[in-house]
Amino acid sequence: MPSTRPPTDPELSKLLQSWEIETRDDPALPSKVWRRIEASTPQSRRASSRWIEDFVALFARPVVAVSTVAFFTAAGAALAYAQHAHSDDARFERLVREYVQSIDPVELASSMPGNGSSHFHP
């Protein structure tokens, strides 16, 4: 098995210790990187993802979320009430018609199957 110890060459050690890495800090590097990333992203994808992000961000706000839930709850209750009122009206009309037929012999005769006349005239 090979040894993992560094070489003991004194000249190499001296050279490695004197070696300095010069770095240049470029303050514009992050903006350059983001510009390159944006340039590589197709324009249509950027626009659609921005729209989705804006939409999600809008509903992430508590005021908008609560308002939306309240609006749809009220709209659902109004629609349910309207549907229920409509069905009650139809039911009421049917009950009135059946009651009138049960107490009025003329109406009863006119509602019988096969009787084409609207009223019985003696």
PDB file of N, CA and C in Angstrom:
ATOM      1  N   MET A   1       0.842  -1.162   0.000  1.00  0.00           N
ATOM      2  CA  MET A   1       0.000   0.000   0.000  1.00  0.00           C
ATOM      3  C   MET A   1       0.896   1.237   0.000  1.00  0.00           C
ATOM      4  N   PRO A   2       0.541   2.238  -0.879  1.00  0.00           N
ATOM      5  CA  PRO A   2       1.404   3.414  -0.950  1.00  0.00           C
ATOM      6  C   PRO A   2       1.208   4.297   0.276  1.00  0.00           C
ATOM      7  N   SER A   3       2.234   4.994   0.606  1.00  0.00           N
ATOM      8  CA  SER A   3       2.216   5.861   1.769  1.00  0.00           C
ATOM      9  C   SER A   3       1.468   7.156   1.442  1.00  0.00           C
ATOM     10  N   THR A   4       0.706   7.659   2.413  1.00  0.00           N
ATOM     11  CA  THR A   4      -0.034   8.912   2.216  1.00  0.00           C
ATOM     12  C   THR A   4       0.689  10.087   2.865  1.00  0.00           C
ATOM     13  N   ARG A   5       1.873   9.848   3.334  1.00  0.00           N
ATOM     14  CA  ARG A   5       2.652  10.917   3.963  1.00  0.00           C
ATOM     15  C   ARG A   5       3.197  11.842   2.895  1.00  0.00           C
ATOM     16  N   PRO A   6       3.246  13.124   3.183  1.00  0.00           N
ATOM     17  CA  PRO A   6       3.796  14.053   2.199  1.00  0.00           C
ATOM     18  C   PRO A   6       5.286  13.775   1.990  1.00  0.00           C
ATOM     19  N   PRO A   7       5.782  14.139   0.808  1.00  0.00           N
ATOM     20  CA  PRO A   7       7.211  13.918   0.572  1.00  0.00           C
ATOM     21  C   PRO A   7       8.049  14.773   1.525  1.00  0.00           C
ATOM     22  N   THR A   8       9.172  14.250   1.866  1.00  0.00           N
ATOM     23  CA  THR A   8      10.022  14.937   2.834  1.00  0.00           C
ATOM     24  C   THR A   8      11.143  15.717   2.157  1.00  0.00           C
ATOM     25  N   ASP A   9      10.949  16.016   0.911  1.00  0.00           N
ATOM     26  CA  ASP A   9      11.948  16.795   0.180  1.00  0.00           C
ATOM     27  C   ASP A   9      11.926  18.229   0.725  1.00  0.00           C
ATOM     28  N   PRO A  10      13.037  18.718   1.297  1.00  0.00           N
ATOM     29  CA  PRO A  10      13.058  20.048   1.907  1.00  0.00           C
ATOM     30  C   PRO A  10      12.845  21.162   0.884  1.00  0.00           C
ATOM     31  N   GLU A  11      13.325  20.996  -0.314  1.00  0.00           N
ATOM     32  CA  GLU A  11      13.148  22.047  -1.319  1.00  0.00           C
ATOM     33  C   GLU A  11      11.681  22.158  -1.744  1.00  0.00           C
ATOM     34  N   LEU A  12      11.024  21.015  -1.892  1.00  0.00           N
ATOM     35  CA  LEU A  12       9.614  21.021  -2.261  1.00  0.00           C
ATOM     36  C   LEU A  12       8.775  21.629  -1.140  1.00  0.00           C
ATOM     37  N   SER A  13       9.071  21.277   0.089  1.00  0.00           N
ATOM     38  CA  SER A  13       8.350  21.833   1.233  1.00  0.00           C
ATOM     39  C   SER A  13       8.528  23.348   1.299  1.00  0.00           C
ATOM     40  N   LYS A  14       9.753  23.808   1.061  1.00  0.00           N
ATOM     41  CA  LYS A  14      10.028  25.242   1.088  1.00  0.00           C
ATOM     42  C   LYS A  14       9.268  25.954  -0.039  1.00  0.00           C
ATOM     43  N   LEU A  15       9.229  25.345  -1.202  1.00  0.00           N
ATOM     44  CA  LEU A  15       8.524  25.919  -2.345  1.00  0.00           C
ATOM     45  C   LEU A  15       7.013  25.968  -2.089  1.00  0.00           C
ATOM     46  N   LEU A  16       6.461  24.905  -1.529  1.00  0.00           N
ATOM     47  CA  LEU A  16       5.027  24.867  -1.241  1.00  0.00           C
ATOM     48  C   LEU A  16       4.655  25.896  -0.173  1.00  0.00           C
ATOM     49  N   GLN A  17       5.503  26.084   0.801  1.00  0.00           N
ATOM     50  CA  GLN A  17       5.212  27.058   1.846  1.00  0.00           C
ATOM     51  C   GLN A  17       5.284  28.497   1.328  1.00  0.00           C
ATOM     52  N   SER A  18       6.093  28.732   0.354  1.00  0.00           N
ATOM     53  CA  SER A  18       6.233  30.097  -0.171  1.00  0.00           C
ATOM     54  C   SER A  18       5.193  30.396  -1.261  1.00  0.00           C
ATOM     55  N   TRP A  19       4.501  29.394  -1.679  1.00  0.00           N
ATOM     56  CA  TRP A  19       3.537  29.571  -2.769  1.00  0.00           C
ATOM     57  C   TRP A  19       2.317  30.339  -2.265  1.00  0.00           C
ATOM     58  N   GLU A  20       1.963  31.397  -2.947  1.00  0.00           N
ATOM     59  CA  GLU A  20       0.793  32.198  -2.594  1.00  0.00           C
ATOM     60  C   GLU A  20      -0.141  32.270  -3.791  1.00  0.00           C
ATOM     61  N   ILE A  21      -1.414  32.178  -3.472  1.00  0.00           N
ATOM     62  CA  ILE A  21      -2.421  32.274  -4.522  1.00  0.00           C
ATOM     63  C   ILE A  21      -2.945  33.700  -4.516  1.00  0.00           C
ATOM     64  N   GLU A  22      -2.858  34.321  -5.638  1.00  0.00           N
ATOM     65  CA  GLU A  22      -3.373  35.677  -5.750  1.00  0.00           C
ATOM     66  C   GLU A  22      -4.803  35.601  -6.278  1.00  0.00           C
ATOM     67  N   THR A  23      -5.699  36.179  -5.507  1.00  0.00           N
ATOM     68  CA  THR A  23      -7.097  36.213  -5.946  1.00  0.00           C
ATOM     69  C   THR A  23      -7.497  37.651  -6.202  1.00  0.00           C
ATOM     70  N   ARG A  24      -8.310  37.797  -7.190  1.00  0.00           N
ATOM     71  CA  ARG A  24      -8.854  39.117  -7.478  1.00  0.00           C
ATOM     72  C   ARG A  24     -10.346  39.052  -7.189  1.00  0.00           C
ATOM     73  N   ASP A  25     -10.793  39.848  -6.257  1.00  0.00           N
ATOM     74  CA  ASP A  25     -12.221  39.889  -5.948  1.00  0.00           C
ATOM     75  C   ASP A  25     -12.904  40.788  -6.969  1.00  0.00           C
ATOM     76  N   ASP A  26     -13.839  40.198  -7.667  1.00  0.00           N
ATOM     77  CA  ASP A  26     -14.604  40.948  -8.651  1.00  0.00           C
ATOM     78  C   ASP A  26     -15.984  41.220  -8.054  1.00  0.00           C
ATOM     79  N   PRO A  27     -16.272  42.463  -7.669  1.00  0.00           N
ATOM     80  CA  PRO A  27     -17.569  42.743  -7.050  1.00  0.00           C
ATOM     81  C   PRO A  27     -18.741  42.540  -8.009  1.00  0.00           C
ATOM     82  N   ALA A  28     -18.505  42.547  -9.291  1.00  0.00           N
ATOM     83  CA  ALA A  28     -19.583  42.377 -10.267  1.00  0.00           C
ATOM     84  C   ALA A  28     -19.811  40.906 -10.619  1.00  0.00           C
ATOM     85  N   LEU A  29     -19.069  40.005 -10.003  1.00  0.00           N
ATOM     86  CA  LEU A  29     -19.179  38.588 -10.351  1.00  0.00           C
ATOM     87  C   LEU A  29     -20.598  38.042 -10.160  1.00  0.00           C
ATOM     88  N   PRO A  30     -21.281  38.270  -9.029  1.00  0.00           N
ATOM     89  CA  PRO A  30     -22.641  37.715  -8.886  1.00  0.00           C
ATOM     90  C   PRO A  30     -23.606  38.222  -9.970  1.00  0.00           C
ATOM     91  N   SER A  31     -23.533  39.501 -10.281  1.00  0.00           N
ATOM     92  CA  SER A  31     -24.448  40.008 -11.308  1.00  0.00           C
ATOM     93  C   SER A  31     -24.100  39.436 -12.682  1.00  0.00           C
ATOM     94  N   LYS A  32     -22.811  39.227 -12.947  1.00  0.00           N
ATOM     95  CA  LYS A  32     -22.422  38.610 -14.222  1.00  0.00           C
ATOM     96  C   LYS A  32     -22.948  37.181 -14.313  1.00  0.00           C
ATOM     97  N   VAL A  33     -22.857  36.470 -13.214  1.00  0.00           N
ATOM     98  CA  VAL A  33     -23.335  35.077 -13.193  1.00  0.00           C
ATOM     99  C   VAL A  33     -24.845  35.045 -13.443  1.00  0.00           C
ATOM    100  N   TRP A  34     -25.604  35.903 -12.768  1.00  0.00           N
ATOM    101  CA  TRP A  34     -27.053  35.910 -12.958  1.00  0.00           C
ATOM    102  C   TRP A  34     -27.430  36.345 -14.365  1.00  0.00           C
ATOM    103  N   ARG A  35     -26.686  37.268 -14.947  1.00  0.00           N
ATOM    104  CA  ARG A  35     -26.961  37.663 -16.338  1.00  0.00           C
ATOM    105  C   ARG A  35     -26.749  36.491 -17.279  1.00  0.00           C
ATOM    106  N   ARG A  36     -25.699  35.719 -17.044  1.00  0.00           N
ATOM    107  CA  ARG A  36     -25.450  34.554 -17.895  1.00  0.00           C
ATOM    108  C   ARG A  36     -26.536  33.501 -17.719  1.00  0.00           C
ATOM    109  N   ILE A  37     -27.006  33.316 -16.492  1.00  0.00           N
ATOM    110  CA  ILE A  37     -28.084  32.349 -16.252  1.00  0.00           C
ATOM    111  C   ILE A  37     -29.356  32.802 -16.953  1.00  0.00           C
ATOM    112  N   GLU A  38     -29.700  34.083 -16.829  1.00  0.00           N
ATOM    113  CA  GLU A  38     -30.894  34.596 -17.499  1.00  0.00           C
ATOM    114  C   GLU A  38     -30.783  34.497 -19.010  1.00  0.00           C
ATOM    115  N   ALA A  39     -29.579  34.725 -19.531  1.00  0.00           N
ATOM    116  CA  ALA A  39     -29.380  34.663 -20.982  1.00  0.00           C
ATOM    117  C   ALA A  39     -29.548  33.229 -21.489  1.00  0.00           C
ATOM    118  N   SER A  40     -29.239  32.268 -20.658  1.00  0.00           N
ATOM    119  CA  SER A  40     -29.359  30.872 -21.092  1.00  0.00           C
ATOM    120  C   SER A  40     -30.775  30.325 -20.928  1.00  0.00           C
ATOM    121  N   THR A  41     -31.650  31.017 -20.174  1.00  0.00           N
ATOM    122  CA  THR A  41     -33.030  30.579 -19.974  1.00  0.00           C
ATOM    123  C   THR A  41     -33.888  31.128 -21.096  1.00  0.00           C
ATOM    124  N   PRO A  42     -34.711  30.287 -21.737  1.00  0.00           N
ATOM    125  CA  PRO A  42     -35.586  30.785 -22.804  1.00  0.00           C
ATOM    126  C   PRO A  42     -36.544  31.851 -22.279  1.00  0.00           C
ATOM    127  N   GLN A  43     -36.842  32.850 -23.109  1.00  0.00           N
ATOM    128  CA  GLN A  43     -37.676  33.979 -22.703  1.00  0.00           C
ATOM    129  C   GLN A  43     -39.077  33.533 -22.297  1.00  0.00           C
ATOM    130  N   SER A  44     -39.693  32.605 -23.028  1.00  0.00           N
ATOM    131  CA  SER A  44     -41.058  32.183 -22.712  1.00  0.00           C
ATOM    132  C   SER A  44     -41.112  31.484 -21.356  1.00  0.00           C
ATOM    133  N   ARG A  45     -40.090  30.738 -21.026  1.00  0.00           N
ATOM    134  CA  ARG A  45     -40.079  30.049 -19.738  1.00  0.00           C
ATOM    135  C   ARG A  45     -39.942  31.051 -18.605  1.00  0.00           C
ATOM    136  N   ARG A  46     -39.125  32.080 -18.815  1.00  0.00           N
ATOM    137  CA  ARG A  46     -38.960  33.094 -17.781  1.00  0.00           C
ATOM    138  C   ARG A  46     -40.271  33.821 -17.534  1.00  0.00           C
ATOM    139  N   ALA A  47     -40.990  34.171 -18.579  1.00  0.00           N
ATOM    140  CA  ALA A  47     -42.246  34.907 -18.425  1.00  0.00           C
ATOM    141  C   ALA A  47     -43.289  34.051 -17.720  1.00  0.00           C
ATOM    142  N   SER A  48     -43.395  32.768 -18.101  1.00  0.00           N
ATOM    143  CA  SER A  48     -44.405  31.915 -17.476  1.00  0.00           C
ATOM    144  C   SER A  48     -44.053  31.617 -16.028  1.00  0.00           C
ATOM    145  N   SER A  49     -42.797  31.415 -15.729  1.00  0.00           N
ATOM    146  CA  SER A  49     -42.441  31.125 -14.341  1.00  0.00           C
ATOM    147  C   SER A  49     -42.593  32.384 -13.492  1.00  0.00           C
ATOM    148  N   ARG A  50     -42.355  33.541 -14.062  1.00  0.00           N
ATOM    149  CA  ARG A  50     -42.538  34.791 -13.322  1.00  0.00           C
ATOM    150  C   ARG A  50     -44.017  34.987 -13.007  1.00  0.00           C
ATOM    151  N   TRP A  51     -44.902  34.672 -13.964  1.00  0.00           N
ATOM    152  CA  TRP A  51     -46.333  34.808 -13.740  1.00  0.00           C
ATOM    153  C   TRP A  51     -46.782  33.875 -12.619  1.00  0.00           C
ATOM    154  N   ILE A  52     -46.306  32.650 -12.650  1.00  0.00           N
ATOM    155  CA  ILE A  52     -46.672  31.670 -11.617  1.00  0.00           C
ATOM    156  C   ILE A  52     -46.148  32.118 -10.258  1.00  0.00           C
ATOM    157  N   GLU A  53     -44.917  32.594 -10.228  1.00  0.00           N
ATOM    158  CA  GLU A  53     -44.346  33.062  -8.966  1.00  0.00           C
ATOM    159  C   GLU A  53     -45.130  34.251  -8.419  1.00  0.00           C
ATOM    160  N   ASP A  54     -45.517  35.178  -9.284  1.00  0.00           N
ATOM    161  CA  ASP A  54     -46.303  36.335  -8.844  1.00  0.00           C
ATOM    162  C   ASP A  54     -47.671  35.899  -8.315  1.00  0.00           C
ATOM    163  N   PHE A  55     -48.297  34.934  -8.986  1.00  0.00           N
ATOM    164  CA  PHE A  55     -49.601  34.434  -8.567  1.00  0.00           C
ATOM    165  C   PHE A  55     -49.508  33.763  -7.196  1.00  0.00           C
ATOM    166  N   VAL A  56     -48.515  32.921  -7.014  1.00  0.00           N
ATOM    167  CA  VAL A  56     -48.339  32.232  -5.730  1.00  0.00           C
ATOM    168  C   VAL A  56     -48.007  33.239  -4.638  1.00  0.00           C
ATOM    169  N   ALA A  57     -47.164  34.216  -4.964  1.00  0.00           N
ATOM    170  CA  ALA A  57     -46.802  35.237  -3.976  1.00  0.00           C
ATOM    171  C   ALA A  57     -48.021  36.056  -3.569  1.00  0.00           C
ATOM    172  N   LEU A  58     -48.924  36.302  -4.499  1.00  0.00           N
ATOM    173  CA  LEU A  58     -50.130  37.059  -4.182  1.00  0.00           C
ATOM    174  C   LEU A  58     -50.969  36.330  -3.134  1.00  0.00           C
ATOM    175  N   PHE A  59     -51.164  35.027  -3.310  1.00  0.00           N
ATOM    176  CA  PHE A  59     -51.982  34.267  -2.376  1.00  0.00           C
ATOM    177  C   PHE A  59     -51.227  33.859  -1.120  1.00  0.00           C
ATOM    178  N   ALA A  60     -49.942  34.133  -1.058  1.00  0.00           N
ATOM    179  CA  ALA A  60     -49.186  33.857   0.154  1.00  0.00           C
ATOM    180  C   ALA A  60     -49.426  34.938   1.201  1.00  0.00           C
ATOM    181  N   ARG A  61     -49.988  36.065   0.758  1.00  0.00           N
ATOM    182  CA  ARG A  61     -50.304  37.144   1.696  1.00  0.00           C
ATOM    183  C   ARG A  61     -51.582  36.776   2.441  1.00  0.00           C
ATOM    184  N   PRO A  62     -51.579  36.842   3.774  1.00  0.00           N
ATOM    185  CA  PRO A  62     -52.750  36.430   4.557  1.00  0.00           C
ATOM    186  C   PRO A  62     -54.025  37.203   4.208  1.00  0.00           C
ATOM    187  N   VAL A  63     -53.917  38.496   3.950  1.00  0.00           N
ATOM    188  CA  VAL A  63     -55.110  39.295   3.652  1.00  0.00           C
ATOM    189  C   VAL A  63     -55.779  38.793   2.376  1.00  0.00           C
ATOM    190  N   VAL A  64     -54.989  38.517   1.362  1.00  0.00           N
ATOM    191  CA  VAL A  64     -55.542  38.046   0.089  1.00  0.00           C
ATOM    192  C   VAL A  64     -56.114  36.646   0.251  1.00  0.00           C
ATOM    193  N   ALA A  65     -55.416  35.796   0.967  1.00  0.00           N
ATOM    194  CA  ALA A  65     -55.885  34.420   1.152  1.00  0.00           C
ATOM    195  C   ALA A  65     -57.219  34.397   1.910  1.00  0.00           C
ATOM    196  N   VAL A  66     -57.312  35.147   2.988  1.00  0.00           N
ATOM    197  CA  VAL A  66     -58.551  35.169   3.780  1.00  0.00           C
ATOM    198  C   VAL A  66     -59.682  35.797   2.970  1.00  0.00           C
ATOM    199  N   SER A  67     -59.384  36.849   2.241  1.00  0.00           N
ATOM    200  CA  SER A  67     -60.408  37.493   1.405  1.00  0.00           C
ATOM    201  C   SER A  67     -60.926  36.539   0.338  1.00  0.00           C
ATOM    202  N   THR A  68     -60.034  35.783  -0.274  1.00  0.00           N
ATOM    203  CA  THR A  68     -60.438  34.834  -1.305  1.00  0.00           C
ATOM    204  C   THR A  68     -61.336  33.743  -0.722  1.00  0.00           C
ATOM    205  N   VAL A  69     -60.949  33.207   0.413  1.00  0.00           N
ATOM    206  CA  VAL A  69     -61.762  32.165   1.053  1.00  0.00           C
ATOM    207  C   VAL A  69     -63.132  32.732   1.440  1.00  0.00           C
ATOM    208  N   ALA A  70     -63.159  33.946   1.985  1.00  0.00           N
ATOM    209  CA  ALA A  70     -64.434  34.557   2.375  1.00  0.00           C
ATOM    210  C   ALA A  70     -65.318  34.804   1.155  1.00  0.00           C
ATOM    211  N   PHE A  71     -64.729  35.285   0.069  1.00  0.00           N
ATOM    212  CA  PHE A  71     -65.506  35.545  -1.145  1.00  0.00           C
ATOM    213  C   PHE A  71     -66.137  34.270  -1.680  1.00  0.00           C
ATOM    214  N   PHE A  72     -65.341  33.204  -1.820  1.00  0.00           N
ATOM    215  CA  PHE A  72     -65.880  31.971  -2.382  1.00  0.00           C
ATOM    216  C   PHE A  72     -66.868  31.291  -1.428  1.00  0.00           C
ATOM    217  N   THR A  73     -66.694  31.470  -0.132  1.00  0.00           N
ATOM    218  CA  THR A  73     -67.661  30.930   0.819  1.00  0.00           C
ATOM    219  C   THR A  73     -69.004  31.660   0.675  1.00  0.00           C
ATOM    220  N   ALA A  74     -68.949  32.989   0.577  1.00  0.00           N
ATOM    221  CA  ALA A  74     -70.174  33.773   0.413  1.00  0.00           C
ATOM    222  C   ALA A  74     -70.841  33.466  -0.936  1.00  0.00           C
ATOM    223  N   ALA A  75     -70.041  33.334  -1.990  1.00  0.00           N
ATOM    224  CA  ALA A  75     -70.600  33.019  -3.307  1.00  0.00           C
ATOM    225  C   ALA A  75     -71.265  31.642  -3.294  1.00  0.00           C
ATOM    226  N   GLY A  76     -70.642  30.678  -2.655  1.00  0.00           N
ATOM    227  CA  GLY A  76     -71.233  29.340  -2.563  1.00  0.00           C
ATOM    228  C   GLY A  76     -72.522  29.345  -1.757  1.00  0.00           C
ATOM    229  N   ALA A  77     -72.547  30.114  -0.663  1.00  0.00           N
ATOM    230  CA  ALA A  77     -73.764  30.196   0.146  1.00  0.00           C
ATOM    231  C   ALA A  77     -74.884  30.870  -0.642  1.00  0.00           C
ATOM    232  N   ALA A  78     -74.557  31.922  -1.394  1.00  0.00           N
ATOM    233  CA  ALA A  78     -75.573  32.615  -2.196  1.00  0.00           C
ATOM    234  C   ALA A  78     -76.130  31.695  -3.276  1.00  0.00           C
ATOM    235  N   LEU A  79     -75.270  30.948  -3.942  1.00  0.00           N
ATOM    236  CA  LEU A  79     -75.739  30.019  -4.972  1.00  0.00           C
ATOM    237  C   LEU A  79     -76.604  28.913  -4.371  1.00  0.00           C
ATOM    238  N   ALA A  80     -76.202  28.414  -3.214  1.00  0.00           N
ATOM    239  CA  ALA A  80     -76.996  27.368  -2.556  1.00  0.00           C
ATOM    240  C   ALA A  80     -78.359  27.906  -2.151  1.00  0.00           C
ATOM    241  N   TYR A  81     -78.395  29.134  -1.641  1.00  0.00           N
ATOM    242  CA  TYR A  81     -79.674  29.740  -1.248  1.00  0.00           C
ATOM    243  C   TYR A  81     -80.567  29.939  -2.467  1.00  0.00           C
ATOM    244  N   ALA A  82     -79.996  30.445  -3.565  1.00  0.00           N
ATOM    245  CA  ALA A  82     -80.776  30.672  -4.782  1.00  0.00           C
ATOM    246  C   ALA A  82     -81.340  29.355  -5.319  1.00  0.00           C
ATOM    247  N   GLN A  83     -80.533  28.314  -5.313  1.00  0.00           N
ATOM    248  CA  GLN A  83     -80.995  27.007  -5.785  1.00  0.00           C
ATOM    249  C   GLN A  83     -82.095  26.465  -4.878  1.00  0.00           C
ATOM    250  N   HIS A  84     -81.918  26.629  -3.592  1.00  0.00           N
ATOM    251  CA  HIS A  84     -82.906  26.135  -2.633  1.00  0.00           C
ATOM    252  C   HIS A  84     -84.215  26.920  -2.775  1.00  0.00           C
ATOM    253  N   ALA A  85     -84.141  28.237  -2.943  1.00  0.00           N
ATOM    254  CA  ALA A  85     -85.343  29.055  -3.099  1.00  0.00           C
ATOM    255  C   ALA A  85     -86.084  28.677  -4.369  1.00  0.00           C
ATOM    256  N   HIS A  86     -85.347  28.416  -5.437  1.00  0.00           N
ATOM    257  CA  HIS A  86     -85.967  28.020  -6.696  1.00  0.00           C
ATOM    258  C   HIS A  86     -86.681  26.677  -6.553  1.00  0.00           C
ATOM    259  N   SER A  87     -86.055  25.732  -5.895  1.00  0.00           N
ATOM    260  CA  SER A  87     -86.686  24.419  -5.733  1.00  0.00           C
ATOM    261  C   SER A  87     -87.888  24.509  -4.797  1.00  0.00           C
ATOM    262  N   ASP A  88     -87.841  25.412  -3.807  1.00  0.00           N
ATOM    263  CA  ASP A  88     -88.993  25.599  -2.915  1.00  0.00           C
ATOM    264  C   ASP A  88     -90.165  26.197  -3.673  1.00  0.00           C
ATOM    265  N   ASP A  89     -89.905  27.148  -4.591  1.00  0.00           N
ATOM    266  CA  ASP A  89     -90.979  27.753  -5.378  1.00  0.00           C
ATOM    267  C   ASP A  89     -91.676  26.703  -6.234  1.00  0.00           C
ATOM    268  N   ALA A  90     -90.892  25.874  -6.893  1.00  0.00           N
ATOM    269  CA  ALA A  90     -91.478  24.840  -7.745  1.00  0.00           C
ATOM    270  C   ALA A  90     -92.269  23.841  -6.902  1.00  0.00           C
ATOM    271  N   ARG A  91     -91.732  23.501  -5.756  1.00  0.00           N
ATOM    272  CA  ARG A  91     -92.424  22.553  -4.878  1.00  0.00           C
ATOM    273  C   ARG A  91     -93.726  23.166  -4.364  1.00  0.00           C
ATOM    274  N   PHE A  92     -93.699  24.435  -3.990  1.00  0.00           N
ATOM    275  CA  PHE A  92     -94.889  25.113  -3.506  1.00  0.00           C
ATOM    276  C   PHE A  92     -95.970  25.156  -4.586  1.00  0.00           C
ATOM    277  N   GLU A  93     -95.585  25.483  -5.823  1.00  0.00           N
ATOM    278  CA  GLU A  93     -96.550  25.526  -6.927  1.00  0.00           C
ATOM    279  C   GLU A  93     -97.167  24.149  -7.168  1.00  0.00           C
ATOM    280  N   ARG A  94     -96.349  23.113  -7.096  1.00  0.00           N
ATOM    281  CA  ARG A  94     -96.866  21.756  -7.283  1.00  0.00           C
ATOM    282  C   ARG A  94     -97.846  21.394  -6.165  1.00  0.00           C
ATOM    283  N   LEU A  95     -97.526  21.755  -4.915  1.00  0.00           N
ATOM    284  CA  LEU A  95     -98.415  21.464  -3.791  1.00  0.00           C
ATOM    285  C   LEU A  95     -99.733  22.222  -3.919  1.00  0.00           C
ATOM    286  N   VAL A  96     -99.687  23.483  -4.352  1.00  0.00           N
ATOM    287  CA  VAL A  96    -100.914  24.254  -4.544  1.00  0.00           C
ATOM    288  C   VAL A  96    -101.769  23.608  -5.620  1.00  0.00           C
ATOM    289  N   ARG A  97    -101.168  23.235  -6.744  1.00  0.00           N
ATOM    290  CA  ARG A  97    -101.907  22.610  -7.843  1.00  0.00           C
ATOM    291  C   ARG A  97    -102.552  21.302  -7.372  1.00  0.00           C
ATOM    292  N   GLU A  98    -101.818  20.492  -6.627  1.00  0.00           N
ATOM    293  CA  GLU A  98    -102.368  19.227  -6.134  1.00  0.00           C
ATOM    294  C   GLU A  98    -103.498  19.473  -5.139  1.00  0.00           C
ATOM    295  N   TYR A  99    -103.361  20.500  -4.306  1.00  0.00           N
ATOM    296  CA  TYR A  99    -104.418  20.804  -3.341  1.00  0.00           C
ATOM    297  C   TYR A  99    -105.687  21.254  -4.055  1.00  0.00           C
ATOM    298  N   VAL A 100    -105.520  22.161  -5.036  1.00  0.00           N
ATOM    299  CA  VAL A 100    -106.683  22.638  -5.777  1.00  0.00           C
ATOM    300  C   VAL A 100    -107.358  21.475  -6.489  1.00  0.00           C
ATOM    301  N   GLN A 101    -106.604  20.577  -7.066  1.00  0.00           N
ATOM    302  CA  GLN A 101    -107.183  19.418  -7.746  1.00  0.00           C
ATOM    303  C   GLN A 101    -107.902  18.514  -6.762  1.00  0.00           C
ATOM    304  N   SER A 102    -107.416  18.438  -5.528  1.00  0.00           N
ATOM    305  CA  SER A 102    -108.046  17.535  -4.558  1.00  0.00           C
ATOM    306  C   SER A 102    -109.374  18.074  -4.035  1.00  0.00           C
ATOM    307  N   ILE A 103    -109.585  19.388  -4.054  1.00  0.00           N
ATOM    308  CA  ILE A 103    -110.839  19.927  -3.522  1.00  0.00           C
ATOM    309  C   ILE A 103    -111.785  20.439  -4.601  1.00  0.00           C
ATOM    310  N   ASP A 104    -111.316  20.618  -5.829  1.00  0.00           N
ATOM    311  CA  ASP A 104    -112.157  21.151  -6.903  1.00  0.00           C
ATOM    312  C   ASP A 104    -112.417  20.048  -7.910  1.00  0.00           C
ATOM    313  N   PRO A 105    -113.668  19.592  -8.042  1.00  0.00           N
ATOM    314  CA  PRO A 105    -113.974  18.505  -8.965  1.00  0.00           C
ATOM    315  C   PRO A 105    -113.707  18.869 -10.421  1.00  0.00           C
ATOM    316  N   VAL A 106    -113.862  20.121 -10.793  1.00  0.00           N
ATOM    317  CA  VAL A 106    -113.593  20.538 -12.171  1.00  0.00           C
ATOM    318  C   VAL A 106    -112.104  20.389 -12.471  1.00  0.00           C
ATOM    319  N   GLU A 107    -111.287  20.845 -11.573  1.00  0.00           N
ATOM    320  CA  GLU A 107    -109.835  20.714 -11.750  1.00  0.00           C
ATOM    321  C   GLU A 107    -109.425  19.246 -11.743  1.00  0.00           C
ATOM    322  N   LEU A 108    -110.048  18.463 -10.901  1.00  0.00           N
ATOM    323  CA  LEU A 108    -109.738  17.042 -10.835  1.00  0.00           C
ATOM    324  C   LEU A 108    -110.067  16.371 -12.153  1.00  0.00           C
ATOM    325  N   ALA A 109    -111.226  16.677 -12.730  1.00  0.00           N
ATOM    326  CA  ALA A 109    -111.620  16.076 -13.998  1.00  0.00           C
ATOM    327  C   ALA A 109    -110.696  16.511 -15.131  1.00  0.00           C
ATOM    328  N   SER A 110    -110.261  17.765 -15.108  1.00  0.00           N
ATOM    329  CA  SER A 110    -109.396  18.250 -16.189  1.00  0.00           C
ATOM    330  C   SER A 110    -107.986  17.674 -16.098  1.00  0.00           C
ATOM    331  N   SER A 111    -107.586  17.250 -14.932  1.00  0.00           N
ATOM    332  CA  SER A 111    -106.233  16.714 -14.787  1.00  0.00           C
ATOM    333  C   SER A 111    -106.159  15.213 -15.039  1.00  0.00           C
ATOM    334  N   MET A 112    -107.300  14.574 -15.275  1.00  0.00           N
ATOM    335  CA  MET A 112    -107.298  13.128 -15.505  1.00  0.00           C
ATOM    336  C   MET A 112    -106.737  12.821 -16.879  1.00  0.00           C
ATOM    337  N   PRO A 113    -105.990  11.726 -17.014  1.00  0.00           N
ATOM    338  CA  PRO A 113    -105.432  11.366 -18.317  1.00  0.00           C
ATOM    339  C   PRO A 113    -106.546  11.078 -19.323  1.00  0.00           C
ATOM    340  N   GLY A 114    -106.362  11.518 -20.540  1.00  0.00           N
ATOM    341  CA  GLY A 114    -107.315  11.264 -21.606  1.00  0.00           C
ATOM    342  C   GLY A 114    -108.389  12.324 -21.711  1.00  0.00           C
ATOM    343  N   ASN A 115    -108.425  13.222 -20.790  1.00  0.00           N
ATOM    344  CA  ASN A 115    -109.427  14.283 -20.846  1.00  0.00           C
ATOM    345  C   ASN A 115    -108.760  15.494 -21.492  1.00  0.00           C
ATOM    346  N   GLY A 116    -109.132  15.800 -22.728  1.00  0.00           N
ATOM    347  CA  GLY A 116    -108.477  16.873 -23.463  1.00  0.00           C
ATOM    348  C   GLY A 116    -108.994  18.247 -23.110  1.00  0.00           C
ATOM    349  N   SER A 117    -110.144  18.343 -22.494  1.00  0.00           N
ATOM    350  CA  SER A 117    -110.680  19.662 -22.171  1.00  0.00           C
ATOM    351  C   SER A 117    -110.013  20.209 -20.930  1.00  0.00           C
ATOM    352  N   SER A 118    -109.892  21.527 -20.895  1.00  0.00           N
ATOM    353  CA  SER A 118    -109.247  22.124 -19.762  1.00  0.00           C
ATOM    354  C   SER A 118    -110.197  22.259 -18.592  1.00  0.00           C
ATOM    355  N   HIS A 119    -111.524  22.375 -18.854  1.00  0.00           N
ATOM    356  CA  HIS A 119    -112.495  22.469 -17.776  1.00  0.00           C
ATOM    357  C   HIS A 119    -113.722  21.613 -18.120  1.00  0.00           C
ATOM    358  N   PHE A 120    -114.333  21.125 -17.090  1.00  0.00           N
ATOM    359  CA  PHE A 120    -115.536  20.325 -17.271  1.00  0.00           C
ATOM    360  C   PHE A 120    -116.723  21.266 -17.245  1.00  0.00           C
ATOM    361  N   HIS A 121    -117.522  21.260 -18.312  1.00  0.00           N
ATOM    362  CA  HIS A 121    -118.706  22.115 -18.371  1.00  0.00           C
ATOM    363  C   HIS A 121    -119.943  21.212 -18.408  1.00  0.00           C
ATOM    364  N   PRO A 122    -120.774  21.240 -17.396  1.00  0.00           N
ATOM    365  CA  PRO A 122    -121.988  20.383 -17.381  1.00  0.00           C
ATOM    366  C   PRO A 122    -123.060  20.890 -18.282  1.00  0.00           C
TER     367      PRO A 122
END
